[in-house]
Amino acid sequence: MRSLLAPVVLVPLVIGAPSAFALSPSADQIINSLRPSGNLAAGGTRGIRLAAPSGDTAQPAPSPAQQAPRVASSRPVAVAAQPAQPQGPAVNLTVNFANGSADLTPDAIRTLDALGTALASKDLSSYRFRIEGHTDTVGGRDYNRSLSERRAEAVVDYVAKKFGVDPGRLQAIGMGEDGQLVPTPPQTPEPRNRRVQVINLGA
């Protein structure tokens, strides 16, 4: 008796939105997300959001202080008191740091290598970018803002040094828990809110 064995192919099933655990974006994906389509001043965001949990947990208790996002002191920028919606093409990236620090992990380096390649490309070399660090609502607001600022600076420093991107084209901003991607109550761990958002500010 002949038995026919058909090869079995396992295909992952994706329903609805992309998984929060998707692979890191490629440089081409980032370029396509950040490249303006028409008038940059017209506003509207487009882009990719490929996220993975970073496991951050901030220790200090919440503070009632409501402060404006802090700007890296080496790159003074005028910042509004409340976070505004991006007015140009933007992309949200998960950049995994060591818990409670601005130290890059190997996963973060892979993502930043793609970002650095994109920002140094001829497609994006004439534009300026805002690099926003975001956290979730776990921990105190002041702590989260300071941590997100240091992480945004770490991103700028990495792509500037490794890929020769002019740091004058990059504005590092610590948003803390302001401008959440997924609105949550205080003390709520939400991996999608722990991210770096890159916004094209124009030429």
N, C-alpha and C. Protein backbone atom coordinates (compact mmCIF):
# COMPACT_ATOMS: atom_id res chain seq x y z
N MET A 1 0.84 -1.18 0.00
CA MET A 1 0.00 0.00 0.00
C MET A 1 0.88 1.23 0.00
N ARG A 2 0.58 2.16 -0.92
CA ARG A 2 1.37 3.39 -1.02
C ARG A 2 0.76 4.45 -0.13
N SER A 3 1.61 5.09 0.63
CA SER A 3 1.10 6.21 1.42
C SER A 3 1.78 7.48 0.94
N LEU A 4 0.98 8.47 0.72
CA LEU A 4 1.50 9.76 0.26
C LEU A 4 1.54 10.71 1.44
N LEU A 5 2.72 11.20 1.74
CA LEU A 5 2.88 12.14 2.84
C LEU A 5 3.09 13.54 2.27
N ALA A 6 2.14 14.38 2.48
CA ALA A 6 2.27 15.77 2.00
C ALA A 6 3.08 16.57 3.00
N PRO A 7 3.95 17.41 2.51
CA PRO A 7 4.71 18.27 3.44
C PRO A 7 3.79 19.20 4.19
N VAL A 8 4.11 19.42 5.44
CA VAL A 8 3.30 20.30 6.29
C VAL A 8 3.98 21.66 6.37
N VAL A 9 3.26 22.70 6.03
CA VAL A 9 3.81 24.06 6.09
C VAL A 9 3.01 24.83 7.13
N LEU A 10 3.71 25.35 8.11
CA LEU A 10 3.05 26.13 9.15
C LEU A 10 3.13 27.60 8.78
N VAL A 11 1.98 28.23 8.67
CA VAL A 11 1.92 29.64 8.31
C VAL A 11 1.32 30.39 9.48
N PRO A 12 2.04 31.41 10.00
CA PRO A 12 1.47 32.17 11.12
C PRO A 12 0.21 32.90 10.68
N LEU A 13 -0.82 32.87 11.52
CA LEU A 13 -2.07 33.52 11.22
C LEU A 13 -2.09 34.89 11.86
N VAL A 14 -2.33 35.92 11.07
CA VAL A 14 -2.38 37.28 11.58
C VAL A 14 -3.78 37.81 11.36
N ILE A 15 -4.42 38.22 12.45
CA ILE A 15 -5.76 38.76 12.35
C ILE A 15 -5.74 40.18 12.90
N GLY A 16 -6.29 41.11 12.15
CA GLY A 16 -6.40 42.48 12.64
C GLY A 16 -5.08 43.22 12.55
N ALA A 17 -4.80 44.01 13.62
CA ALA A 17 -3.61 44.87 13.62
C ALA A 17 -2.36 44.04 13.71
N PRO A 18 -1.21 44.61 13.26
CA PRO A 18 0.05 43.89 13.37
C PRO A 18 0.38 43.58 14.82
N SER A 19 1.05 42.50 15.03
CA SER A 19 1.41 42.09 16.39
C SER A 19 2.34 43.09 17.03
N ALA A 20 2.18 43.27 18.34
CA ALA A 20 3.07 44.16 19.08
C ALA A 20 4.46 43.57 19.18
N PHE A 21 4.60 42.32 18.81
CA PHE A 21 5.89 41.67 18.90
C PHE A 21 6.50 41.46 17.52
N ALA A 22 6.16 42.34 16.59
CA ALA A 22 6.69 42.24 15.23
C ALA A 22 8.19 42.47 15.22
N LEU A 23 8.82 42.06 14.14
CA LEU A 23 10.25 42.24 14.00
C LEU A 23 10.59 43.72 13.89
N SER A 24 11.84 44.05 14.16
CA SER A 24 12.28 45.43 14.03
C SER A 24 12.13 45.88 12.59
N PRO A 25 11.80 47.15 12.37
CA PRO A 25 11.63 47.64 11.01
C PRO A 25 12.96 47.73 10.29
N SER A 26 12.91 47.66 8.98
CA SER A 26 14.11 47.84 8.18
C SER A 26 14.33 49.32 7.93
N ALA A 27 15.53 49.65 7.45
CA ALA A 27 15.83 51.04 7.10
C ALA A 27 14.88 51.53 6.03
N ASP A 28 14.56 50.68 5.05
CA ASP A 28 13.64 51.08 3.99
C ASP A 28 12.25 51.39 4.53
N GLN A 29 11.78 50.60 5.48
CA GLN A 29 10.47 50.87 6.08
C GLN A 29 10.47 52.22 6.80
N ILE A 30 11.56 52.50 7.51
CA ILE A 30 11.65 53.77 8.23
C ILE A 30 11.71 54.93 7.24
N ILE A 31 12.49 54.78 6.18
CA ILE A 31 12.57 55.83 5.16
C ILE A 31 11.18 56.10 4.58
N ASN A 32 10.47 55.05 4.22
CA ASN A 32 9.14 55.22 3.64
C ASN A 32 8.17 55.88 4.61
N SER A 33 8.33 55.62 5.90
CA SER A 33 7.44 56.22 6.89
C SER A 33 7.77 57.68 7.15
N LEU A 34 9.04 58.06 7.03
CA LEU A 34 9.46 59.42 7.36
C LEU A 34 9.57 60.33 6.15
N ARG A 35 9.51 59.76 4.96
CA ARG A 35 9.63 60.58 3.75
C ARG A 35 8.34 61.36 3.55
N PRO A 36 8.43 62.69 3.40
CA PRO A 36 7.21 63.49 3.20
C PRO A 36 6.54 63.14 1.88
N SER A 37 5.21 63.22 1.89
CA SER A 37 4.46 63.04 0.65
C SER A 37 3.70 64.34 0.42
N GLY A 38 4.29 65.23 -0.34
CA GLY A 38 3.66 66.53 -0.59
C GLY A 38 4.09 67.55 0.45
N ASN A 39 3.18 68.39 0.86
CA ASN A 39 3.48 69.49 1.78
C ASN A 39 3.60 68.98 3.20
N LEU A 40 4.78 69.10 3.79
CA LEU A 40 5.01 68.61 5.14
C LEU A 40 4.16 69.37 6.13
N ALA A 41 3.90 70.64 5.87
CA ALA A 41 3.13 71.46 6.81
C ALA A 41 1.66 71.06 6.86
N ALA A 42 1.23 70.25 5.90
CA ALA A 42 -0.18 69.85 5.87
C ALA A 42 -0.54 68.96 7.04
N GLY A 43 0.46 68.35 7.67
CA GLY A 43 0.23 67.56 8.87
C GLY A 43 -0.18 66.14 8.56
N GLY A 44 -0.57 65.43 9.60
CA GLY A 44 -0.98 64.03 9.43
C GLY A 44 0.19 63.11 9.62
N THR A 45 -0.01 62.07 10.38
CA THR A 45 1.08 61.13 10.61
C THR A 45 0.83 59.88 9.80
N ARG A 46 1.92 59.30 9.39
CA ARG A 46 1.82 57.97 8.82
C ARG A 46 3.07 57.25 9.28
N GLY A 47 3.08 55.97 9.16
CA GLY A 47 4.30 55.29 9.56
C GLY A 47 4.00 53.95 10.16
N ILE A 48 5.07 53.36 10.67
CA ILE A 48 4.96 52.02 11.21
C ILE A 48 5.10 52.08 12.71
N ARG A 49 4.51 51.11 13.37
CA ARG A 49 4.69 50.98 14.81
C ARG A 49 4.97 49.51 15.07
N LEU A 50 6.24 49.19 15.18
CA LEU A 50 6.63 47.81 15.42
C LEU A 50 7.20 47.75 16.83
N ALA A 51 6.47 47.14 17.74
CA ALA A 51 6.84 47.26 19.14
C ALA A 51 7.08 45.90 19.78
N ALA A 52 7.89 45.92 20.84
CA ALA A 52 8.08 44.76 21.71
C ALA A 52 8.25 45.29 23.11
N PRO A 53 7.81 44.55 24.12
CA PRO A 53 7.89 45.05 25.49
C PRO A 53 9.33 45.21 25.93
N SER A 54 9.60 46.28 26.70
CA SER A 54 10.97 46.51 27.18
C SER A 54 11.15 46.12 28.63
N GLY A 55 10.03 45.89 29.34
CA GLY A 55 10.13 45.43 30.73
C GLY A 55 10.53 46.51 31.69
N ASP A 56 10.38 47.79 31.32
CA ASP A 56 10.76 48.87 32.22
C ASP A 56 9.83 48.91 33.42
N THR A 57 10.39 49.24 34.56
CA THR A 57 9.60 49.54 35.74
C THR A 57 10.28 50.66 36.47
N ALA A 58 9.59 51.77 36.61
CA ALA A 58 10.16 52.92 37.31
C ALA A 58 9.83 52.79 38.78
N GLN A 59 10.82 53.11 39.65
CA GLN A 59 10.63 52.89 41.07
C GLN A 59 9.96 54.02 41.84
N PRO A 60 10.30 55.31 41.60
CA PRO A 60 9.78 56.35 42.47
C PRO A 60 8.25 56.44 42.40
N ALA A 61 7.64 56.94 43.50
CA ALA A 61 6.20 57.11 43.55
C ALA A 61 5.78 58.26 42.65
N PRO A 62 4.52 58.27 42.21
CA PRO A 62 4.07 59.33 41.31
C PRO A 62 4.15 60.69 41.98
N SER A 63 4.47 61.70 41.19
CA SER A 63 4.51 63.08 41.67
C SER A 63 3.38 63.85 41.00
N PRO A 64 2.71 64.76 41.71
CA PRO A 64 1.61 65.51 41.09
C PRO A 64 2.09 66.60 40.16
N ALA A 65 3.38 66.85 40.13
CA ALA A 65 3.89 67.97 39.32
C ALA A 65 3.55 67.76 37.85
N GLN A 66 3.08 68.79 37.21
CA GLN A 66 2.79 68.76 35.78
C GLN A 66 3.77 69.70 35.11
N GLN A 67 4.79 69.16 34.47
CA GLN A 67 5.79 70.00 33.85
C GLN A 67 5.80 69.78 32.36
N ALA A 68 6.36 70.77 31.65
CA ALA A 68 6.51 70.63 30.21
C ALA A 68 7.56 69.58 29.92
N PRO A 69 7.51 68.93 28.76
CA PRO A 69 8.56 67.98 28.39
C PRO A 69 9.91 68.63 28.45
N ARG A 70 10.90 67.92 28.99
CA ARG A 70 12.24 68.48 29.11
C ARG A 70 12.99 68.28 27.81
N VAL A 71 13.80 69.25 27.51
CA VAL A 71 14.58 69.23 26.28
C VAL A 71 16.04 69.02 26.65
N ALA A 72 16.75 68.20 25.88
CA ALA A 72 18.17 67.97 26.13
C ALA A 72 18.89 69.31 26.14
N SER A 73 19.67 69.58 27.20
CA SER A 73 20.27 70.89 27.38
C SER A 73 21.24 71.24 26.27
N SER A 74 21.86 70.25 25.63
CA SER A 74 22.83 70.55 24.59
C SER A 74 22.16 70.92 23.27
N ARG A 75 20.83 70.74 23.19
CA ARG A 75 20.12 71.06 21.96
C ARG A 75 18.87 71.86 22.32
N PRO A 76 19.02 73.17 22.64
CA PRO A 76 17.86 73.94 23.07
C PRO A 76 16.81 74.03 21.97
N VAL A 77 15.56 73.78 22.36
CA VAL A 77 14.45 73.81 21.41
C VAL A 77 13.24 74.40 22.13
N ALA A 78 12.42 75.15 21.42
CA ALA A 78 11.18 75.64 21.99
C ALA A 78 10.17 74.50 22.00
N VAL A 79 9.60 74.21 23.19
CA VAL A 79 8.68 73.09 23.32
C VAL A 79 7.40 73.58 23.97
N ALA A 80 6.25 73.19 23.42
CA ALA A 80 4.97 73.57 23.99
C ALA A 80 4.74 72.85 25.30
N ALA A 81 3.91 73.43 26.16
CA ALA A 81 3.65 72.85 27.47
C ALA A 81 2.96 71.50 27.37
N GLN A 82 2.08 71.34 26.38
CA GLN A 82 1.39 70.07 26.18
C GLN A 82 1.88 69.43 24.89
N PRO A 83 2.05 68.10 24.89
CA PRO A 83 2.53 67.45 23.67
C PRO A 83 1.53 67.61 22.53
N ALA A 84 2.03 67.99 21.37
CA ALA A 84 1.17 68.18 20.21
C ALA A 84 1.25 66.95 19.32
N GLN A 85 0.22 66.77 18.51
CA GLN A 85 0.26 65.69 17.53
C GLN A 85 1.32 66.00 16.49
N PRO A 86 2.04 64.99 16.02
CA PRO A 86 3.06 65.23 15.01
C PRO A 86 2.48 65.92 13.79
N GLN A 87 3.20 66.92 13.28
CA GLN A 87 2.74 67.66 12.11
C GLN A 87 3.42 67.18 10.83
N GLY A 88 4.18 66.16 10.91
CA GLY A 88 4.83 65.61 9.73
C GLY A 88 4.87 64.10 9.82
N PRO A 89 5.45 63.45 8.83
CA PRO A 89 5.57 61.98 8.88
C PRO A 89 6.29 61.54 10.15
N ALA A 90 5.81 60.49 10.76
CA ALA A 90 6.38 60.03 12.03
C ALA A 90 6.42 58.52 12.07
N VAL A 91 7.30 58.00 12.92
CA VAL A 91 7.38 56.56 13.11
C VAL A 91 7.63 56.29 14.59
N ASN A 92 6.92 55.29 15.13
CA ASN A 92 7.13 54.85 16.51
C ASN A 92 7.99 53.60 16.50
N LEU A 93 9.07 53.62 17.28
CA LEU A 93 9.99 52.49 17.33
C LEU A 93 10.16 52.04 18.77
N THR A 94 10.23 50.75 18.96
CA THR A 94 10.60 50.24 20.27
C THR A 94 12.12 50.17 20.33
N VAL A 95 12.68 50.90 21.28
CA VAL A 95 14.14 50.88 21.50
C VAL A 95 14.32 50.38 22.92
N ASN A 96 14.68 49.12 23.06
CA ASN A 96 14.78 48.50 24.37
C ASN A 96 16.05 48.92 25.10
N PHE A 97 15.85 49.45 26.31
CA PHE A 97 16.96 49.85 27.16
C PHE A 97 17.03 48.92 28.36
N ALA A 98 18.19 48.92 29.01
CA ALA A 98 18.29 48.20 30.28
C ALA A 98 17.30 48.83 31.26
N ASN A 99 16.74 48.00 32.14
CA ASN A 99 15.69 48.45 33.04
C ASN A 99 16.12 49.67 33.86
N GLY A 100 15.34 50.74 33.77
CA GLY A 100 15.59 51.94 34.57
C GLY A 100 16.82 52.72 34.16
N SER A 101 17.34 52.50 32.94
CA SER A 101 18.55 53.20 32.53
C SER A 101 18.45 53.59 31.06
N ALA A 102 19.48 54.29 30.59
CA ALA A 102 19.56 54.69 29.18
C ALA A 102 20.58 53.83 28.43
N ASP A 103 20.94 52.68 29.00
CA ASP A 103 21.90 51.78 28.35
C ASP A 103 21.19 50.96 27.27
N LEU A 104 21.76 50.96 26.07
CA LEU A 104 21.16 50.26 24.94
C LEU A 104 21.37 48.75 25.06
N THR A 105 20.34 48.01 24.73
CA THR A 105 20.44 46.55 24.68
C THR A 105 20.76 46.14 23.24
N PRO A 106 21.14 44.89 23.01
CA PRO A 106 21.37 44.43 21.62
C PRO A 106 20.15 44.63 20.72
N ASP A 107 18.94 44.42 21.26
CA ASP A 107 17.73 44.67 20.47
C ASP A 107 17.63 46.14 20.08
N ALA A 108 17.96 47.01 21.02
CA ALA A 108 17.92 48.45 20.73
C ALA A 108 18.91 48.81 19.64
N ILE A 109 20.09 48.23 19.70
CA ILE A 109 21.12 48.54 18.70
C ILE A 109 20.67 48.12 17.31
N ARG A 110 19.99 46.98 17.21
CA ARG A 110 19.49 46.55 15.90
C ARG A 110 18.49 47.56 15.34
N THR A 111 17.59 48.03 16.19
CA THR A 111 16.61 49.02 15.75
C THR A 111 17.28 50.34 15.38
N LEU A 112 18.26 50.77 16.18
CA LEU A 112 18.93 52.04 15.92
C LEU A 112 19.85 51.96 14.71
N ASP A 113 20.36 50.78 14.40
CA ASP A 113 21.14 50.64 13.17
C ASP A 113 20.26 50.91 11.95
N ALA A 114 19.03 50.41 12.00
CA ALA A 114 18.09 50.69 10.89
C ALA A 114 17.74 52.17 10.86
N LEU A 115 17.50 52.76 12.04
CA LEU A 115 17.18 54.18 12.09
C LEU A 115 18.33 55.04 11.59
N GLY A 116 19.55 54.72 12.03
CA GLY A 116 20.71 55.48 11.59
C GLY A 116 20.93 55.39 10.09
N THR A 117 20.77 54.20 9.55
CA THR A 117 20.88 54.02 8.09
C THR A 117 19.85 54.87 7.37
N ALA A 118 18.64 54.90 7.90
CA ALA A 118 17.57 55.68 7.27
C ALA A 118 17.87 57.18 7.34
N LEU A 119 18.26 57.67 8.51
CA LEU A 119 18.49 59.11 8.67
C LEU A 119 19.69 59.59 7.87
N ALA A 120 20.67 58.70 7.65
CA ALA A 120 21.86 59.07 6.88
C ALA A 120 21.65 58.91 5.37
N SER A 121 20.53 58.34 4.96
CA SER A 121 20.29 58.08 3.54
C SER A 121 20.04 59.39 2.79
N LYS A 122 20.24 59.34 1.48
CA LYS A 122 20.01 60.54 0.65
C LYS A 122 18.54 60.93 0.67
N ASP A 123 17.65 59.98 0.92
CA ASP A 123 16.21 60.27 0.96
C ASP A 123 15.85 61.19 2.12
N LEU A 124 16.57 61.09 3.23
CA LEU A 124 16.21 61.85 4.43
C LEU A 124 17.28 62.83 4.88
N SER A 125 18.41 62.89 4.16
CA SER A 125 19.55 63.67 4.65
C SER A 125 19.30 65.18 4.71
N SER A 126 18.28 65.68 4.06
CA SER A 126 18.03 67.12 4.07
C SER A 126 17.00 67.53 5.12
N TYR A 127 16.53 66.57 5.93
CA TYR A 127 15.48 66.87 6.89
C TYR A 127 16.01 66.89 8.33
N ARG A 128 15.26 67.60 9.18
CA ARG A 128 15.50 67.61 10.62
C ARG A 128 14.46 66.72 11.30
N PHE A 129 14.84 66.16 12.45
CA PHE A 129 13.95 65.21 13.12
C PHE A 129 13.89 65.48 14.61
N ARG A 130 12.71 65.26 15.15
CA ARG A 130 12.50 65.32 16.59
C ARG A 130 12.51 63.88 17.10
N ILE A 131 13.38 63.61 18.07
CA ILE A 131 13.49 62.27 18.65
C ILE A 131 12.88 62.33 20.04
N GLU A 132 11.69 61.75 20.20
CA GLU A 132 10.97 61.81 21.46
C GLU A 132 11.10 60.49 22.21
N GLY A 133 11.48 60.58 23.49
CA GLY A 133 11.46 59.42 24.37
C GLY A 133 10.15 59.40 25.13
N HIS A 134 9.49 58.25 25.19
CA HIS A 134 8.21 58.09 25.88
C HIS A 134 8.28 56.92 26.85
N THR A 135 7.55 57.02 27.95
CA THR A 135 7.44 55.93 28.92
C THR A 135 5.96 55.61 29.13
N ASP A 136 5.71 54.54 29.89
CA ASP A 136 4.34 54.31 30.34
C ASP A 136 4.11 55.07 31.64
N THR A 137 3.02 54.77 32.34
CA THR A 137 2.66 55.57 33.52
C THR A 137 3.13 54.95 34.83
N VAL A 138 3.95 53.91 34.76
CA VAL A 138 4.46 53.30 35.99
C VAL A 138 5.58 54.18 36.55
N GLY A 139 5.46 54.54 37.83
CA GLY A 139 6.47 55.39 38.45
C GLY A 139 6.04 56.84 38.48
N GLY A 140 6.95 57.70 38.94
CA GLY A 140 6.65 59.12 39.07
C GLY A 140 6.82 59.87 37.76
N ARG A 141 6.04 60.93 37.56
CA ARG A 141 6.12 61.72 36.34
C ARG A 141 7.50 62.33 36.15
N ASP A 142 8.08 62.88 37.20
CA ASP A 142 9.39 63.52 37.08
C ASP A 142 10.46 62.49 36.70
N TYR A 143 10.40 61.34 37.35
CA TYR A 143 11.36 60.28 37.05
C TYR A 143 11.22 59.83 35.60
N ASN A 144 9.99 59.60 35.16
CA ASN A 144 9.76 59.13 33.80
C ASN A 144 10.22 60.16 32.76
N ARG A 145 10.00 61.44 33.06
CA ARG A 145 10.42 62.47 32.11
C ARG A 145 11.95 62.51 32.00
N SER A 146 12.60 62.43 33.15
CA SER A 146 14.07 62.44 33.14
C SER A 146 14.62 61.21 32.42
N LEU A 147 14.04 60.05 32.70
CA LEU A 147 14.49 58.81 32.06
C LEU A 147 14.28 58.88 30.55
N SER A 148 13.12 59.36 30.12
CA SER A 148 12.85 59.42 28.69
C SER A 148 13.76 60.42 27.99
N GLU A 149 14.14 61.48 28.68
CA GLU A 149 15.08 62.45 28.09
C GLU A 149 16.45 61.82 27.88
N ARG A 150 16.92 61.10 28.89
CA ARG A 150 18.24 60.45 28.76
C ARG A 150 18.23 59.41 27.65
N ARG A 151 17.12 58.73 27.48
CA ARG A 151 17.02 57.72 26.42
C ARG A 151 16.97 58.38 25.04
N ALA A 152 16.25 59.48 24.92
CA ALA A 152 16.22 60.19 23.64
C ALA A 152 17.63 60.69 23.29
N GLU A 153 18.35 61.19 24.28
CA GLU A 153 19.73 61.63 24.05
C GLU A 153 20.62 60.47 23.63
N ALA A 154 20.39 59.29 24.24
CA ALA A 154 21.19 58.11 23.89
C ALA A 154 20.96 57.72 22.43
N VAL A 155 19.71 57.84 21.97
CA VAL A 155 19.40 57.53 20.58
C VAL A 155 20.13 58.50 19.66
N VAL A 156 20.05 59.79 19.97
CA VAL A 156 20.73 60.80 19.14
C VAL A 156 22.23 60.56 19.12
N ASP A 157 22.82 60.32 20.29
CA ASP A 157 24.26 60.11 20.36
C ASP A 157 24.69 58.90 19.53
N TYR A 158 23.90 57.82 19.61
CA TYR A 158 24.27 56.60 18.89
C TYR A 158 24.26 56.82 17.38
N VAL A 159 23.15 57.36 16.85
CA VAL A 159 23.08 57.50 15.39
C VAL A 159 24.03 58.58 14.88
N ALA A 160 24.32 59.58 15.72
CA ALA A 160 25.25 60.63 15.30
C ALA A 160 26.68 60.06 15.21
N LYS A 161 27.07 59.29 16.21
CA LYS A 161 28.45 58.78 16.24
C LYS A 161 28.66 57.64 15.24
N LYS A 162 27.72 56.71 15.16
CA LYS A 162 27.94 55.55 14.32
C LYS A 162 27.67 55.82 12.84
N PHE A 163 26.69 56.68 12.55
CA PHE A 163 26.27 56.88 11.15
C PHE A 163 26.60 58.27 10.62
N GLY A 164 27.26 59.08 11.44
CA GLY A 164 27.66 60.40 10.97
C GLY A 164 26.50 61.35 10.74
N VAL A 165 25.38 61.10 11.39
CA VAL A 165 24.24 62.01 11.26
C VAL A 165 24.54 63.27 12.06
N ASP A 166 24.40 64.43 11.44
CA ASP A 166 24.67 65.70 12.11
C ASP A 166 23.72 65.86 13.29
N PRO A 167 24.25 65.94 14.53
CA PRO A 167 23.35 66.08 15.69
C PRO A 167 22.52 67.36 15.65
N GLY A 168 22.96 68.34 14.85
CA GLY A 168 22.17 69.55 14.69
C GLY A 168 20.86 69.30 13.97
N ARG A 169 20.73 68.16 13.30
CA ARG A 169 19.48 67.79 12.62
C ARG A 169 18.51 67.10 13.57
N LEU A 170 18.95 66.79 14.78
CA LEU A 170 18.17 65.96 15.69
C LEU A 170 17.88 66.70 16.99
N GLN A 171 16.64 66.68 17.42
CA GLN A 171 16.23 67.30 18.68
C GLN A 171 15.78 66.19 19.63
N ALA A 172 16.50 66.01 20.72
CA ALA A 172 16.16 64.98 21.69
C ALA A 172 15.22 65.57 22.74
N ILE A 173 14.04 64.97 22.89
CA ILE A 173 13.01 65.46 23.79
C ILE A 173 12.57 64.34 24.73
N GLY A 174 12.49 64.65 26.02
CA GLY A 174 11.96 63.69 26.99
C GLY A 174 10.50 63.98 27.27
N MET A 175 9.62 63.14 26.78
CA MET A 175 8.18 63.33 26.96
C MET A 175 7.64 62.62 28.20
N GLY A 176 8.41 61.67 28.75
CA GLY A 176 7.89 60.92 29.88
C GLY A 176 6.62 60.18 29.50
N GLU A 177 5.60 60.31 30.36
CA GLU A 177 4.33 59.63 30.09
C GLU A 177 3.33 60.51 29.36
N ASP A 178 3.74 61.71 28.95
CA ASP A 178 2.85 62.57 28.16
C ASP A 178 2.77 62.05 26.73
N GLY A 179 1.64 62.27 26.09
CA GLY A 179 1.47 61.85 24.70
C GLY A 179 1.44 60.34 24.55
N GLN A 180 0.69 59.67 25.42
CA GLN A 180 0.63 58.20 25.37
C GLN A 180 0.05 57.72 24.04
N LEU A 181 0.62 56.66 23.54
CA LEU A 181 0.09 56.01 22.35
C LEU A 181 -1.21 55.28 22.69
N VAL A 182 -1.22 54.65 23.86
CA VAL A 182 -2.41 53.96 24.37
C VAL A 182 -2.76 54.57 25.72
N PRO A 183 -3.79 55.41 25.79
CA PRO A 183 -4.12 56.06 27.07
C PRO A 183 -4.41 55.04 28.17
N THR A 184 -3.75 55.23 29.32
CA THR A 184 -3.94 54.32 30.45
C THR A 184 -4.00 55.14 31.74
N PRO A 185 -4.55 54.56 32.81
CA PRO A 185 -4.52 55.22 34.12
C PRO A 185 -3.10 55.20 34.68
N PRO A 186 -2.85 55.96 35.77
CA PRO A 186 -1.53 55.92 36.42
C PRO A 186 -1.15 54.51 36.85
N GLN A 187 0.15 54.27 36.89
CA GLN A 187 0.72 53.01 37.36
C GLN A 187 0.27 51.81 36.53
N THR A 188 0.12 52.03 35.22
CA THR A 188 -0.28 50.95 34.32
C THR A 188 0.86 50.60 33.37
N PRO A 189 1.43 49.41 33.47
CA PRO A 189 2.48 49.03 32.52
C PRO A 189 1.87 48.79 31.14
N GLU A 190 2.37 49.49 30.15
CA GLU A 190 1.88 49.34 28.78
C GLU A 190 3.06 49.42 27.83
N PRO A 191 3.52 48.26 27.32
CA PRO A 191 4.72 48.24 26.48
C PRO A 191 4.64 49.17 25.28
N ARG A 192 3.44 49.36 24.71
CA ARG A 192 3.34 50.20 23.51
C ARG A 192 3.61 51.68 23.81
N ASN A 193 3.48 52.07 25.07
CA ASN A 193 3.78 53.46 25.43
C ASN A 193 5.26 53.69 25.68
N ARG A 194 6.02 52.61 25.85
CA ARG A 194 7.48 52.75 26.05
C ARG A 194 8.14 52.69 24.68
N ARG A 195 8.36 53.84 24.11
CA ARG A 195 8.78 53.89 22.71
C ARG A 195 9.61 55.14 22.43
N VAL A 196 10.18 55.17 21.24
CA VAL A 196 10.82 56.37 20.71
C VAL A 196 10.03 56.76 19.48
N GLN A 197 9.58 58.00 19.44
CA GLN A 197 8.88 58.49 18.26
C GLN A 197 9.81 59.43 17.50
N VAL A 198 9.93 59.21 16.20
CA VAL A 198 10.76 60.05 15.35
C VAL A 198 9.81 60.82 14.43
N ILE A 199 9.95 62.14 14.41
CA ILE A 199 9.04 63.01 13.65
C ILE A 199 9.86 63.86 12.68
N ASN A 200 9.45 63.88 11.44
CA ASN A 200 10.11 64.71 10.43
C ASN A 200 9.65 66.15 10.61
N LEU A 201 10.59 67.05 10.90
CA LEU A 201 10.28 68.47 11.11
C LEU A 201 10.42 69.30 9.85
N GLY A 202 10.83 68.69 8.76
CA GLY A 202 11.02 69.45 7.53
C GLY A 202 12.49 69.80 7.33
N ALA A 203 12.76 70.49 6.23
CA ALA A 203 14.15 70.81 5.88
C ALA A 203 14.66 71.98 6.72
